[in-house]
Amino acid sequence: MNSLKLEDTAVYYCARGTLGATSDPGQYTDWGKGT
């Protein structure tokens, strides 16, 4: 992440989805706890 902006502030999660997973969080079944 470069040139960070105030609006980038958030908890960031990594997740695993199906090969064709979209932007819908429901397409992802495995999640980290966030950072």
PDB file of all heavy atoms in Angstrom:
ATOM      1  N   MET A   1       0.843  -1.177   0.000  1.00  0.00           N
ATOM      2  CA  MET A   1       0.000   0.000   0.000  1.00  0.00           C
ATOM      3  C   MET A   1       0.886   1.236   0.000  1.00  0.00           C
ATOM      4  O   MET A   1       1.623   1.475   0.954  1.00  0.00           O
ATOM      5  CB  MET A   1      -0.928   0.010   1.211  1.00  0.00           C
ATOM      6  CG  MET A   1      -1.782  -1.243   1.343  1.00  0.00           C
ATOM      7  SD  MET A   1      -2.963  -1.138   2.712  1.00  0.00           S
ATOM      8  CE  MET A   1      -1.819  -1.107   4.094  1.00  0.00           C
ATOM      9  N   ASN A   2       0.803   1.989  -1.061  1.00  0.00           N
ATOM     10  CA  ASN A   2       1.565   3.215  -1.206  1.00  0.00           C
ATOM     11  C   ASN A   2       0.626   4.405  -1.285  1.00  0.00           C
ATOM     12  O   ASN A   2      -0.560   4.262  -1.563  1.00  0.00           O
ATOM     13  CB  ASN A   2       2.439   3.168  -2.459  1.00  0.00           C
ATOM     14  CG  ASN A   2       3.459   2.061  -2.436  1.00  0.00           C
ATOM     15  OD1 ASN A   2       3.998   1.716  -1.385  1.00  0.00           O
ATOM     16  ND2 ASN A   2       3.746   1.493  -3.607  1.00  0.00           N
ATOM     17  N   SER A   3       1.186   5.568  -1.067  1.00  0.00           N
ATOM     18  CA  SER A   3       0.419   6.810  -1.148  1.00  0.00           C
ATOM     19  C   SER A   3      -0.868   6.718  -0.338  1.00  0.00           C
ATOM     20  O   SER A   3      -1.956   7.063  -0.807  1.00  0.00           O
ATOM     21  CB  SER A   3       0.111   7.151  -2.612  1.00  0.00           C
ATOM     22  OG  SER A   3       1.298   7.283  -3.367  1.00  0.00           O
ATOM     23  N   LEU A   4      -0.738   6.276   0.878  1.00  0.00           N
ATOM     24  CA  LEU A   4      -1.909   6.030   1.709  1.00  0.00           C
ATOM     25  C   LEU A   4      -2.659   7.316   2.008  1.00  0.00           C
ATOM     26  O   LEU A   4      -2.062   8.379   2.198  1.00  0.00           O
ATOM     27  CB  LEU A   4      -1.500   5.342   3.001  1.00  0.00           C
ATOM     28  CG  LEU A   4      -1.208   3.848   2.843  1.00  0.00           C
ATOM     29  CD1 LEU A   4      -0.381   3.337   4.012  1.00  0.00           C
ATOM     30  CD2 LEU A   4      -2.515   3.066   2.740  1.00  0.00           C
ATOM     31  N   LYS A   5      -3.963   7.178   2.038  1.00  0.00           N
ATOM     32  CA  LYS A   5      -4.864   8.285   2.301  1.00  0.00           C
ATOM     33  C   LYS A   5      -5.645   8.024   3.581  1.00  0.00           C
ATOM     34  O   LYS A   5      -5.768   6.891   4.031  1.00  0.00           O
ATOM     35  CB  LYS A   5      -5.839   8.466   1.137  1.00  0.00           C
ATOM     36  CG  LYS A   5      -5.186   8.688  -0.207  1.00  0.00           C
ATOM     37  CD  LYS A   5      -6.232   8.754  -1.305  1.00  0.00           C
ATOM     38  CE  LYS A   5      -5.595   8.993  -2.660  1.00  0.00           C
ATOM     39  NZ  LYS A   5      -6.615   9.055  -3.739  1.00  0.00           N
ATOM     40  N   LEU A   6      -6.195   9.081   4.134  1.00  0.00           N
ATOM     41  CA  LEU A   6      -6.984   8.948   5.353  1.00  0.00           C
ATOM     42  C   LEU A   6      -8.110   7.938   5.166  1.00  0.00           C
ATOM     43  O   LEU A   6      -8.419   7.176   6.093  1.00  0.00           O
ATOM     44  CB  LEU A   6      -7.564  10.297   5.773  1.00  0.00           C
ATOM     45  CG  LEU A   6      -6.566  11.364   6.210  1.00  0.00           C
ATOM     46  CD1 LEU A   6      -7.295  12.661   6.541  1.00  0.00           C
ATOM     47  CD2 LEU A   6      -5.754  10.899   7.413  1.00  0.00           C
ATOM     48  N   GLU A   7      -8.720   7.928   4.010  1.00  0.00           N
ATOM     49  CA  GLU A   7      -9.839   7.042   3.767  1.00  0.00           C
ATOM     50  C   GLU A   7      -9.446   5.581   3.638  1.00  0.00           C
ATOM     51  O   GLU A   7     -10.317   4.716   3.532  1.00  0.00           O
ATOM     52  CB  GLU A   7     -10.629   7.483   2.526  1.00  0.00           C
ATOM     53  CG  GLU A   7      -9.770   7.689   1.295  1.00  0.00           C
ATOM     54  CD  GLU A   7      -9.375   9.141   1.089  1.00  0.00           C
ATOM     55  OE1 GLU A   7      -8.993   9.806   2.066  1.00  0.00           O
ATOM     56  OE2 GLU A   7      -9.460   9.617  -0.067  1.00  0.00           O
ATOM     57  N   ASP A   8      -8.160   5.291   3.639  1.00  0.00           N
ATOM     58  CA  ASP A   8      -7.705   3.907   3.656  1.00  0.00           C
ATOM     59  C   ASP A   8      -7.747   3.299   5.052  1.00  0.00           C
ATOM     60  O   ASP A   8      -7.522   2.097   5.204  1.00  0.00           O
ATOM     61  CB  ASP A   8      -6.286   3.794   3.106  1.00  0.00           C
ATOM     62  CG  ASP A   8      -6.193   4.175   1.640  1.00  0.00           C
ATOM     63  OD1 ASP A   8      -7.088   3.783   0.864  1.00  0.00           O
ATOM     64  OD2 ASP A   8      -5.221   4.858   1.270  1.00  0.00           O
ATOM     65  N   THR A   9      -8.006   4.104   6.044  1.00  0.00           N
ATOM     66  CA  THR A   9      -8.064   3.614   7.414  1.00  0.00           C
ATOM     67  C   THR A   9      -9.175   2.581   7.565  1.00  0.00           C
ATOM     68  O   THR A   9     -10.333   2.849   7.244  1.00  0.00           O
ATOM     69  CB  THR A   9      -8.286   4.769   8.389  1.00  0.00           C
ATOM     70  OG1 THR A   9      -7.167   5.653   8.345  1.00  0.00           O
ATOM     71  CG2 THR A   9      -8.458   4.255   9.810  1.00  0.00           C
ATOM     72  N   ALA A  10      -8.818   1.413   8.040  1.00  0.00           N
ATOM     73  CA  ALA A  10      -9.770   0.319   8.181  1.00  0.00           C
ATOM     74  C   ALA A  10      -9.056  -0.869   8.791  1.00  0.00           C
ATOM     75  O   ALA A  10      -7.832  -0.892   8.914  1.00  0.00           O
ATOM     76  CB  ALA A  10     -10.362  -0.075   6.823  1.00  0.00           C
ATOM     77  N   VAL A  11      -9.844  -1.855   9.159  1.00  0.00           N
ATOM     78  CA  VAL A  11      -9.295  -3.163   9.459  1.00  0.00           C
ATOM     79  C   VAL A  11      -9.212  -3.929   8.148  1.00  0.00           C
ATOM     80  O   VAL A  11     -10.196  -4.015   7.410  1.00  0.00           O
ATOM     81  CB  VAL A  11     -10.149  -3.933  10.477  1.00  0.00           C
ATOM     82  CG1 VAL A  11      -9.588  -5.331  10.699  1.00  0.00           C
ATOM     83  CG2 VAL A  11     -10.210  -3.177  11.792  1.00  0.00           C
ATOM     84  N   TYR A  12      -8.058  -4.459   7.871  1.00  0.00           N
ATOM     85  CA  TYR A  12      -7.829  -5.192   6.637  1.00  0.00           C
ATOM     86  C   TYR A  12      -7.807  -6.684   6.920  1.00  0.00           C
ATOM     87  O   TYR A  12      -7.145  -7.142   7.854  1.00  0.00           O
ATOM     88  CB  TYR A  12      -6.514  -4.761   5.986  1.00  0.00           C
ATOM     89  CG  TYR A  12      -6.617  -3.422   5.295  1.00  0.00           C
ATOM     90  CD1 TYR A  12      -6.736  -2.250   6.031  1.00  0.00           C
ATOM     91  CD2 TYR A  12      -6.611  -3.336   3.907  1.00  0.00           C
ATOM     92  CE1 TYR A  12      -6.855  -1.032   5.403  1.00  0.00           C
ATOM     93  CE2 TYR A  12      -6.719  -2.112   3.278  1.00  0.00           C
ATOM     94  CZ  TYR A  12      -6.841  -0.966   4.023  1.00  0.00           C
ATOM     95  OH  TYR A  12      -6.949   0.259   3.394  1.00  0.00           O
ATOM     96  N   TYR A  13      -8.527  -7.419   6.097  1.00  0.00           N
ATOM     97  CA  TYR A  13      -8.654  -8.856   6.245  1.00  0.00           C
ATOM     98  C   TYR A  13      -8.183  -9.560   4.988  1.00  0.00           C
ATOM     99  O   TYR A  13      -8.486  -9.117   3.878  1.00  0.00           O
ATOM    100  CB  TYR A  13     -10.110  -9.268   6.468  1.00  0.00           C
ATOM    101  CG  TYR A  13     -10.770  -8.668   7.672  1.00  0.00           C
ATOM    102  CD1 TYR A  13     -11.422  -7.443   7.599  1.00  0.00           C
ATOM    103  CD2 TYR A  13     -10.768  -9.347   8.890  1.00  0.00           C
ATOM    104  CE1 TYR A  13     -12.046  -6.896   8.698  1.00  0.00           C
ATOM    105  CE2 TYR A  13     -11.391  -8.807   9.995  1.00  0.00           C
ATOM    106  CZ  TYR A  13     -12.030  -7.583   9.898  1.00  0.00           C
ATOM    107  OH  TYR A  13     -12.654  -7.056  11.002  1.00  0.00           O
ATOM    108  N   CYS A  14      -7.487 -10.649   5.151  1.00  0.00           N
ATOM    109  CA  CYS A  14      -7.263 -11.519   4.016  1.00  0.00           C
ATOM    110  C   CYS A  14      -8.298 -12.631   4.047  1.00  0.00           C
ATOM    111  O   CYS A  14      -8.781 -13.026   5.114  1.00  0.00           O
ATOM    112  CB  CYS A  14      -5.843 -12.087   3.982  1.00  0.00           C
ATOM    113  SG  CYS A  14      -5.393 -13.173   5.347  1.00  0.00           S
ATOM    114  N   ALA A  15      -8.637 -13.120   2.881  1.00  0.00           N
ATOM    115  CA  ALA A  15      -9.685 -14.106   2.774  1.00  0.00           C
ATOM    116  C   ALA A  15      -9.448 -14.995   1.570  1.00  0.00           C
ATOM    117  O   ALA A  15      -8.830 -14.578   0.589  1.00  0.00           O
ATOM    118  CB  ALA A  15     -11.054 -13.434   2.656  1.00  0.00           C
ATOM    119  N   ARG A  16      -9.953 -16.196   1.651  1.00  0.00           N
ATOM    120  CA  ARG A  16      -9.887 -17.137   0.550  1.00  0.00           C
ATOM    121  C   ARG A  16     -11.269 -17.419   0.028  1.00  0.00           C
ATOM    122  O   ARG A  16     -12.191 -17.694   0.804  1.00  0.00           O
ATOM    123  CB  ARG A  16      -9.226 -18.445   0.985  1.00  0.00           C
ATOM    124  CG  ARG A  16      -9.009 -19.417  -0.163  1.00  0.00           C
ATOM    125  CD  ARG A  16      -8.473 -20.746   0.306  1.00  0.00           C
ATOM    126  NE  ARG A  16      -9.478 -21.505   1.048  1.00  0.00           N
ATOM    127  CZ  ARG A  16      -9.356 -22.788   1.372  1.00  0.00           C
ATOM    128  NH1 ARG A  16      -8.248 -23.453   1.015  1.00  0.00           N
ATOM    129  NH2 ARG A  16     -10.309 -23.400   2.050  1.00  0.00           N
ATOM    130  N   GLY A  17     -11.405 -17.370  -1.268  1.00  0.00           N
ATOM    131  CA  GLY A  17     -12.657 -17.674  -1.917  1.00  0.00           C
ATOM    132  C   GLY A  17     -12.482 -18.694  -3.011  1.00  0.00           C
ATOM    133  O   GLY A  17     -11.394 -19.235  -3.225  1.00  0.00           O
ATOM    134  N   THR A  18     -13.553 -18.957  -3.711  1.00  0.00           N
ATOM    135  CA  THR A  18     -13.468 -19.843  -4.854  1.00  0.00           C
ATOM    136  C   THR A  18     -12.673 -19.176  -5.965  1.00  0.00           C
ATOM    137  O   THR A  18     -12.396 -17.980  -5.925  1.00  0.00           O
ATOM    138  CB  THR A  18     -14.863 -20.214  -5.357  1.00  0.00           C
ATOM    139  OG1 THR A  18     -15.547 -19.023  -5.777  1.00  0.00           O
ATOM    140  CG2 THR A  18     -15.664 -20.891  -4.256  1.00  0.00           C
ATOM    141  N   LEU A  19     -12.324 -19.953  -6.958  1.00  0.00           N
ATOM    142  CA  LEU A  19     -11.522 -19.417  -8.044  1.00  0.00           C
ATOM    143  C   LEU A  19     -12.208 -18.245  -8.727  1.00  0.00           C
ATOM    144  O   LEU A  19     -11.561 -17.290  -9.137  1.00  0.00           O
ATOM    145  CB  LEU A  19     -11.212 -20.517  -9.061  1.00  0.00           C
ATOM    146  CG  LEU A  19     -10.247 -20.159 -10.185  1.00  0.00           C
ATOM    147  CD1 LEU A  19      -8.885 -19.771  -9.621  1.00  0.00           C
ATOM    148  CD2 LEU A  19     -10.113 -21.323 -11.153  1.00  0.00           C
ATOM    149  N   GLY A  20     -13.511 -18.309  -8.830  1.00  0.00           N
ATOM    150  CA  GLY A  20     -14.260 -17.247  -9.470  1.00  0.00           C
ATOM    151  C   GLY A  20     -14.910 -16.273  -8.513  1.00  0.00           C
ATOM    152  O   GLY A  20     -15.856 -15.578  -8.901  1.00  0.00           O
ATOM    153  N   ALA A  21     -14.419 -16.202  -7.298  1.00  0.00           N
ATOM    154  CA  ALA A  21     -15.020 -15.339  -6.292  1.00  0.00           C
ATOM    155  C   ALA A  21     -15.035 -13.893  -6.738  1.00  0.00           C
ATOM    156  O   ALA A  21     -14.080 -13.392  -7.333  1.00  0.00           O
ATOM    157  CB  ALA A  21     -14.282 -15.473  -4.970  1.00  0.00           C
ATOM    158  N   THR A  22     -16.105 -13.213  -6.409  1.00  0.00           N
ATOM    159  CA  THR A  22     -16.304 -11.823  -6.791  1.00  0.00           C
ATOM    160  C   THR A  22     -15.940 -10.911  -5.628  1.00  0.00           C
ATOM    161  O   THR A  22     -15.236 -11.301  -4.698  1.00  0.00           O
ATOM    162  CB  THR A  22     -17.759 -11.600  -7.197  1.00  0.00           C
ATOM    163  OG1 THR A  22     -18.604 -11.757  -6.050  1.00  0.00           O
ATOM    164  CG2 THR A  22     -18.176 -12.602  -8.268  1.00  0.00           C
ATOM    165  N   SER A  23     -16.435  -9.692  -5.671  1.00  0.00           N
ATOM    166  CA  SER A  23     -16.219  -8.746  -4.592  1.00  0.00           C
ATOM    167  C   SER A  23     -17.157  -8.968  -3.416  1.00  0.00           C
ATOM    168  O   SER A  23     -17.021  -8.295  -2.391  1.00  0.00           O
ATOM    169  CB  SER A  23     -16.386  -7.311  -5.106  1.00  0.00           C
ATOM    170  OG  SER A  23     -17.693  -7.103  -5.624  1.00  0.00           O
ATOM    171  N   ASP A  24     -18.063  -9.895  -3.550  1.00  0.00           N
ATOM    172  CA  ASP A  24     -19.008 -10.201  -2.481  1.00  0.00           C
ATOM    173  C   ASP A  24     -18.301 -10.967  -1.374  1.00  0.00           C
ATOM    174  O   ASP A  24     -17.782 -12.058  -1.612  1.00  0.00           O
ATOM    175  CB  ASP A  24     -20.154 -11.024  -3.052  1.00  0.00           C
ATOM    176  CG  ASP A  24     -21.216 -11.378  -2.034  1.00  0.00           C
ATOM    177  OD1 ASP A  24     -21.105 -10.963  -0.866  1.00  0.00           O
ATOM    178  OD2 ASP A  24     -22.170 -12.086  -2.407  1.00  0.00           O
ATOM    179  N   PRO A  25     -18.278 -10.440  -0.156  1.00  0.00           N
ATOM    180  CA  PRO A  25     -17.642 -11.182   0.936  1.00  0.00           C
ATOM    181  C   PRO A  25     -18.212 -12.570   1.140  1.00  0.00           C
ATOM    182  O   PRO A  25     -17.513 -13.452   1.653  1.00  0.00           O
ATOM    183  CB  PRO A  25     -17.904 -10.293   2.160  1.00  0.00           C
ATOM    184  CG  PRO A  25     -18.079  -8.928   1.599  1.00  0.00           C
ATOM    185  CD  PRO A  25     -18.771  -9.128   0.276  1.00  0.00           C
ATOM    186  N   GLY A  26     -19.461 -12.764   0.752  1.00  0.00           N
ATOM    187  CA  GLY A  26     -20.069 -14.069   0.890  1.00  0.00           C
ATOM    188  C   GLY A  26     -19.457 -15.151   0.029  1.00  0.00           C
ATOM    189  O   GLY A  26     -19.715 -16.335   0.248  1.00  0.00           O
ATOM    190  N   GLN A  27     -18.657 -14.762  -0.950  1.00  0.00           N
ATOM    191  CA  GLN A  27     -17.973 -15.721  -1.797  1.00  0.00           C
ATOM    192  C   GLN A  27     -16.676 -16.228  -1.168  1.00  0.00           C
ATOM    193  O   GLN A  27     -16.005 -17.073  -1.758  1.00  0.00           O
ATOM    194  CB  GLN A  27     -17.654 -15.087  -3.153  1.00  0.00           C
ATOM    195  CG  GLN A  27     -18.884 -14.701  -3.960  1.00  0.00           C
ATOM    196  CD  GLN A  27     -19.631 -15.913  -4.456  1.00  0.00           C
ATOM    197  OE1 GLN A  27     -19.041 -16.808  -5.074  1.00  0.00           O
ATOM    198  NE2 GLN A  27     -20.929 -15.963  -4.189  1.00  0.00           N
ATOM    199  N   TYR A  28     -16.349 -15.725  -0.015  1.00  0.00           N
ATOM    200  CA  TYR A  28     -15.113 -16.086   0.665  1.00  0.00           C
ATOM    201  C   TYR A  28     -15.446 -16.814   1.956  1.00  0.00           C
ATOM    202  O   TYR A  28     -16.262 -16.335   2.757  1.00  0.00           O
ATOM    203  CB  TYR A  28     -14.266 -14.841   0.937  1.00  0.00           C
ATOM    204  CG  TYR A  28     -13.853 -14.152  -0.337  1.00  0.00           C
ATOM    205  CD1 TYR A  28     -14.742 -13.337  -1.029  1.00  0.00           C
ATOM    206  CD2 TYR A  28     -12.575 -14.343  -0.863  1.00  0.00           C
ATOM    207  CE1 TYR A  28     -14.368 -12.731  -2.219  1.00  0.00           C
ATOM    208  CE2 TYR A  28     -12.201 -13.733  -2.041  1.00  0.00           C
ATOM    209  CZ  TYR A  28     -13.098 -12.934  -2.716  1.00  0.00           C
ATOM    210  OH  TYR A  28     -12.725 -12.330  -3.893  1.00  0.00           O
ATOM    211  N   THR A  29     -14.823 -17.934   2.159  1.00  0.00           N
ATOM    212  CA  THR A  29     -15.183 -18.807   3.267  1.00  0.00           C
ATOM    213  C   THR A  29     -14.157 -18.852   4.388  1.00  0.00           C
ATOM    214  O   THR A  29     -14.485 -19.276   5.507  1.00  0.00           O
ATOM    215  CB  THR A  29     -15.408 -20.238   2.765  1.00  0.00           C
ATOM    216  OG1 THR A  29     -14.243 -20.709   2.084  1.00  0.00           O
ATOM    217  CG2 THR A  29     -16.588 -20.272   1.798  1.00  0.00           C
ATOM    218  N   ASP A  30     -12.934 -18.441   4.125  1.00  0.00           N
ATOM    219  CA  ASP A  30     -11.879 -18.460   5.130  1.00  0.00           C
ATOM    220  C   ASP A  30     -11.335 -17.058   5.313  1.00  0.00           C
ATOM    221  O   ASP A  30     -10.990 -16.382   4.339  1.00  0.00           O
ATOM    222  CB  ASP A  30     -10.754 -19.410   4.726  1.00  0.00           C
ATOM    223  CG  ASP A  30     -11.235 -20.841   4.600  1.00  0.00           C
ATOM    224  OD1 ASP A  30     -11.500 -21.465   5.640  1.00  0.00           O
ATOM    225  OD2 ASP A  30     -11.360 -21.328   3.453  1.00  0.00           O
ATOM    226  N   TRP A  31     -11.239 -16.641   6.557  1.00  0.00           N
ATOM    227  CA  TRP A  31     -10.875 -15.271   6.870  1.00  0.00           C
ATOM    228  C   TRP A  31      -9.820 -15.211   7.953  1.00  0.00           C
ATOM    229  O   TRP A  31      -9.828 -16.009   8.892  1.00  0.00           O
ATOM    230  CB  TRP A  31     -12.097 -14.489   7.363  1.00  0.00           C
ATOM    231  CG  TRP A  31     -13.151 -14.309   6.324  1.00  0.00           C
ATOM    232  CD1 TRP A  31     -14.105 -15.204   5.959  1.00  0.00           C
ATOM    233  CD2 TRP A  31     -13.352 -13.151   5.516  1.00  0.00           C
ATOM    234  NE1 TRP A  31     -14.897 -14.676   4.963  1.00  0.00           N
ATOM    235  CE2 TRP A  31     -14.458 -13.420   4.678  1.00  0.00           C
ATOM    236  CE3 TRP A  31     -12.711 -11.913   5.424  1.00  0.00           C
ATOM    237  CZ2 TRP A  31     -14.933 -12.491   3.752  1.00  0.00           C
ATOM    238  CZ3 TRP A  31     -13.177 -10.990   4.510  1.00  0.00           C
ATOM    239  CH2 TRP A  31     -14.276 -11.275   3.690  1.00  0.00           C
ATOM    240  N   GLY A  32      -8.928 -14.258   7.819  1.00  0.00           N
ATOM    241  CA  GLY A  32      -8.046 -13.933   8.914  1.00  0.00           C
ATOM    242  C   GLY A  32      -8.752 -13.065   9.930  1.00  0.00           C
ATOM    243  O   GLY A  32      -9.893 -12.642   9.742  1.00  0.00           O
ATOM    244  N   LYS A  33      -8.069 -12.797  11.012  1.00  0.00           N
ATOM    245  CA  LYS A  33      -8.667 -12.010  12.081  1.00  0.00           C
ATOM    246  C   LYS A  33      -8.608 -10.513  11.832  1.00  0.00           C
ATOM    247  O   LYS A  33      -9.299  -9.749  12.505  1.00  0.00           O
ATOM    248  CB  LYS A  33      -7.982 -12.318  13.410  1.00  0.00           C
ATOM    249  CG  LYS A  33      -6.574 -11.762  13.510  1.00  0.00           C
ATOM    250  CD  LYS A  33      -5.945 -12.093  14.842  1.00  0.00           C
ATOM    251  CE  LYS A  33      -4.634 -11.344  15.023  1.00  0.00           C
ATOM    252  NZ  LYS A  33      -3.680 -11.614  13.934  1.00  0.00           N
ATOM    253  N   GLY A  34      -7.812 -10.081  10.895  1.00  0.00           N
ATOM    254  CA  GLY A  34      -7.718  -8.684  10.541  1.00  0.00           C
ATOM    255  C   GLY A  34      -6.530  -7.991  11.160  1.00  0.00           C
ATOM    256  O   GLY A  34      -6.023  -8.386  12.204  1.00  0.00           O
ATOM    257  N   THR A  35      -6.091  -6.943  10.502  1.00  0.00           N
ATOM    258  CA  THR A  35      -5.025  -6.101  11.008  1.00  0.00           C
ATOM    259  C   THR A  35      -5.401  -4.644  10.764  1.00  0.00           C
ATOM    260  O   THR A  35      -5.890  -4.287   9.696  1.00  0.00           O
ATOM    261  CB  THR A  35      -3.674  -6.455  10.350  1.00  0.00           C
ATOM    262  OG1 THR A  35      -2.619  -5.690  10.943  1.00  0.00           O
ATOM    263  CG2 THR A  35      -3.686  -6.200   8.844  1.00  0.00           C
TER     264      THR A  35
END
